[in-house]
């Protein structure tokens, strides 16, 4: 190895001109999520109960599966919201 191949670490460090932490925007916070899920659960239960009283008992279970699917999708959305990217 010759002196021309060595990295010269004696130069002063350059000042950082720009640095940013990028995060995805989410307009629904945790409190609003709980309110939304509570409202959705109440409406789905009421509609499912109406179908149950008419004799269509399997519909109640499908309303429950719908609420569970929406909950699962929001949980994935909140997990993805924790992603960050450092620029600089």
C-alpha atoms as a PDB file:
ATOM      1  CA  UNK A   1       0.000   0.000   0.000  1.00  0.00           C
ATOM      2  CA  UNK A   2       1.389   3.376  -0.920  1.00  0.00           C
ATOM      3  CA  UNK A   3       0.800   6.732   0.646  1.00  0.00           C
ATOM      4  CA  UNK A   4      -1.407   7.736  -2.314  1.00  0.00           C
ATOM      5  CA  UNK A   5      -3.895   4.937  -1.563  1.00  0.00           C
ATOM      6  CA  UNK A   6      -4.421   5.806   2.097  1.00  0.00           C
ATOM      7  CA  UNK A   7      -7.478   7.736   3.140  1.00  0.00           C
ATOM      8  CA  UNK A   8      -6.525  11.074   4.599  1.00  0.00           C
ATOM      9  CA  UNK A   9      -8.467  11.488   7.843  1.00  0.00           C
ATOM     10  CA  UNK A  10      -6.670  14.689   8.795  1.00  0.00           C
ATOM     11  CA  UNK A  11      -9.181  16.901   6.946  1.00  0.00           C
ATOM     12  CA  UNK A  12     -11.675  18.719   9.192  1.00  0.00           C
ATOM     13  CA  UNK A  13     -15.213  17.316   9.172  1.00  0.00           C
ATOM     14  CA  UNK A  14     -17.663  19.130   6.906  1.00  0.00           C
ATOM     15  CA  UNK A  15     -20.635  20.776   8.635  1.00  0.00           C
ATOM     16  CA  UNK A  16     -23.962  19.061   8.105  1.00  0.00           C
ATOM     17  CA  UNK A  17     -26.125  21.271   5.893  1.00  0.00           C
ATOM     18  CA  UNK A  18     -29.414  19.380   6.066  1.00  0.00           C
ATOM     19  CA  UNK A  19     -30.826  16.666   8.263  1.00  0.00           C
ATOM     20  CA  UNK A  20     -34.439  15.480   8.449  1.00  0.00           C
ATOM     21  CA  UNK A  21     -36.376  12.635   9.998  1.00  0.00           C
ATOM     22  CA  UNK A  22     -39.242  11.679   7.678  1.00  0.00           C
ATOM     23  CA  UNK A  23     -42.336   9.981   9.118  1.00  0.00           C
ATOM     24  CA  UNK A  24     -45.646   9.146   7.416  1.00  0.00           C
ATOM     25  CA  UNK A  25     -48.625  11.354   8.261  1.00  0.00           C
ATOM     26  CA  UNK A  26     -51.555   9.712  10.035  1.00  0.00           C
ATOM     27  CA  UNK A  27     -54.619  11.835  10.725  1.00  0.00           C
ATOM     28  CA  UNK A  28     -56.294   9.360  13.112  1.00  0.00           C
ATOM     29  CA  UNK A  29     -54.814   9.299  16.607  1.00  0.00           C
ATOM     30  CA  UNK A  30     -55.365   6.580  19.207  1.00  0.00           C
ATOM     31  CA  UNK A  31     -58.304   8.262  20.968  1.00  0.00           C
ATOM     32  CA  UNK A  32     -60.187   8.803  17.705  1.00  0.00           C
ATOM     33  CA  UNK A  33     -59.444   5.210  16.715  1.00  0.00           C
ATOM     34  CA  UNK A  34     -61.086   3.956  19.923  1.00  0.00           C
ATOM     35  CA  UNK A  35     -64.123   6.185  19.340  1.00  0.00           C
ATOM     36  CA  UNK A  36     -64.405   4.990  15.737  1.00  0.00           C
ATOM     37  CA  UNK A  37     -64.117   1.315  16.718  1.00  0.00           C
ATOM     38  CA  UNK A  38     -66.660   1.765  19.514  1.00  0.00           C
ATOM     39  CA  UNK A  39     -69.137   3.401  17.149  1.00  0.00           C
ATOM     40  CA  UNK A  40     -68.546   0.784  14.459  1.00  0.00           C
ATOM     41  CA  UNK A  41     -68.963  -2.043  16.978  1.00  0.00           C
ATOM     42  CA  UNK A  42     -72.209  -0.591  18.339  1.00  0.00           C
ATOM     43  CA  UNK A  43     -73.726  -0.080  14.871  1.00  0.00           C
ATOM     44  CA  UNK A  44     -72.643  -3.548  13.711  1.00  0.00           C
ATOM     45  CA  UNK A  45     -74.032  -5.168  16.865  1.00  0.00           C
ATOM     46  CA  UNK A  46     -77.362  -3.342  16.528  1.00  0.00           C
ATOM     47  CA  UNK A  47     -77.698  -4.290  12.865  1.00  0.00           C
ATOM     48  CA  UNK A  48     -76.652  -7.870  13.621  1.00  0.00           C
ATOM     49  CA  UNK A  49     -79.180  -8.079  16.444  1.00  0.00           C
ATOM     50  CA  UNK A  50     -81.918  -6.904  14.094  1.00  0.00           C
ATOM     51  CA  UNK A  51     -81.012  -9.676  11.663  1.00  0.00           C
ATOM     52  CA  UNK A  52     -80.863 -12.164  14.538  1.00  0.00           C
ATOM     53  CA  UNK A  53     -84.401 -11.247  15.582  1.00  0.00           C
ATOM     54  CA  UNK A  54     -85.583 -11.740  11.980  1.00  0.00           C
ATOM     55  CA  UNK A  55     -84.127 -15.243  12.002  1.00  0.00           C
ATOM     56  CA  UNK A  56     -80.977 -14.646   9.963  1.00  0.00           C
ATOM     57  CA  UNK A  57     -78.602 -15.549  12.795  1.00  0.00           C
ATOM     58  CA  UNK A  58     -75.405 -16.056  10.685  1.00  0.00           C
ATOM     59  CA  UNK A  59     -75.410 -12.366   9.725  1.00  0.00           C
ATOM     60  CA  UNK A  60     -74.484 -11.431  13.310  1.00  0.00           C
ATOM     61  CA  UNK A  61     -71.237 -13.377  12.957  1.00  0.00           C
ATOM     62  CA  UNK A  62     -70.405 -11.725   9.643  1.00  0.00           C
ATOM     63  CA  UNK A  63     -70.881  -8.295  11.194  1.00  0.00           C
ATOM     64  CA  UNK A  64     -68.432  -9.355  13.892  1.00  0.00           C
ATOM     65  CA  UNK A  65     -65.937 -10.497  11.260  1.00  0.00           C
ATOM     66  CA  UNK A  66     -66.279  -7.135   9.493  1.00  0.00           C
ATOM     67  CA  UNK A  67     -65.415  -5.260  12.687  1.00  0.00           C
ATOM     68  CA  UNK A  68     -62.484  -7.604  13.301  1.00  0.00           C
ATOM     69  CA  UNK A  69     -61.169  -7.064   9.742  1.00  0.00           C
ATOM     70  CA  UNK A  70     -61.370  -3.279  10.107  1.00  0.00           C
ATOM     71  CA  UNK A  71     -59.594  -3.448  13.480  1.00  0.00           C
ATOM     72  CA  UNK A  72     -56.851  -5.617  11.963  1.00  0.00           C
ATOM     73  CA  UNK A  73     -56.383  -3.216   9.015  1.00  0.00           C
ATOM     74  CA  UNK A  74     -56.040  -0.235  11.354  1.00  0.00           C
ATOM     75  CA  UNK A  75     -53.525  -2.093  13.520  1.00  0.00           C
ATOM     76  CA  UNK A  76     -51.382  -2.754  10.426  1.00  0.00           C
ATOM     77  CA  UNK A  77     -51.747   0.909   9.486  1.00  0.00           C
ATOM     78  CA  UNK A  78     -50.584   2.031  12.953  1.00  0.00           C
ATOM     79  CA  UNK A  79     -47.640  -0.392  12.813  1.00  0.00           C
ATOM     80  CA  UNK A  80     -46.577   1.014   9.445  1.00  0.00           C
ATOM     81  CA  UNK A  81     -46.902   4.553  10.810  1.00  0.00           C
ATOM     82  CA  UNK A  82     -43.890   3.907  13.050  1.00  0.00           C
ATOM     83  CA  UNK A  83     -41.606   3.734  10.000  1.00  0.00           C
ATOM     84  CA  UNK A  84     -39.035   6.510   9.723  1.00  0.00           C
ATOM     85  CA  UNK A  85     -36.365   7.532   7.246  1.00  0.00           C
ATOM     86  CA  UNK A  86     -33.318   9.605   8.072  1.00  0.00           C
ATOM     87  CA  UNK A  87     -32.208  12.065   5.424  1.00  0.00           C
ATOM     88  CA  UNK A  88     -28.921  13.813   5.642  1.00  0.00           C
END
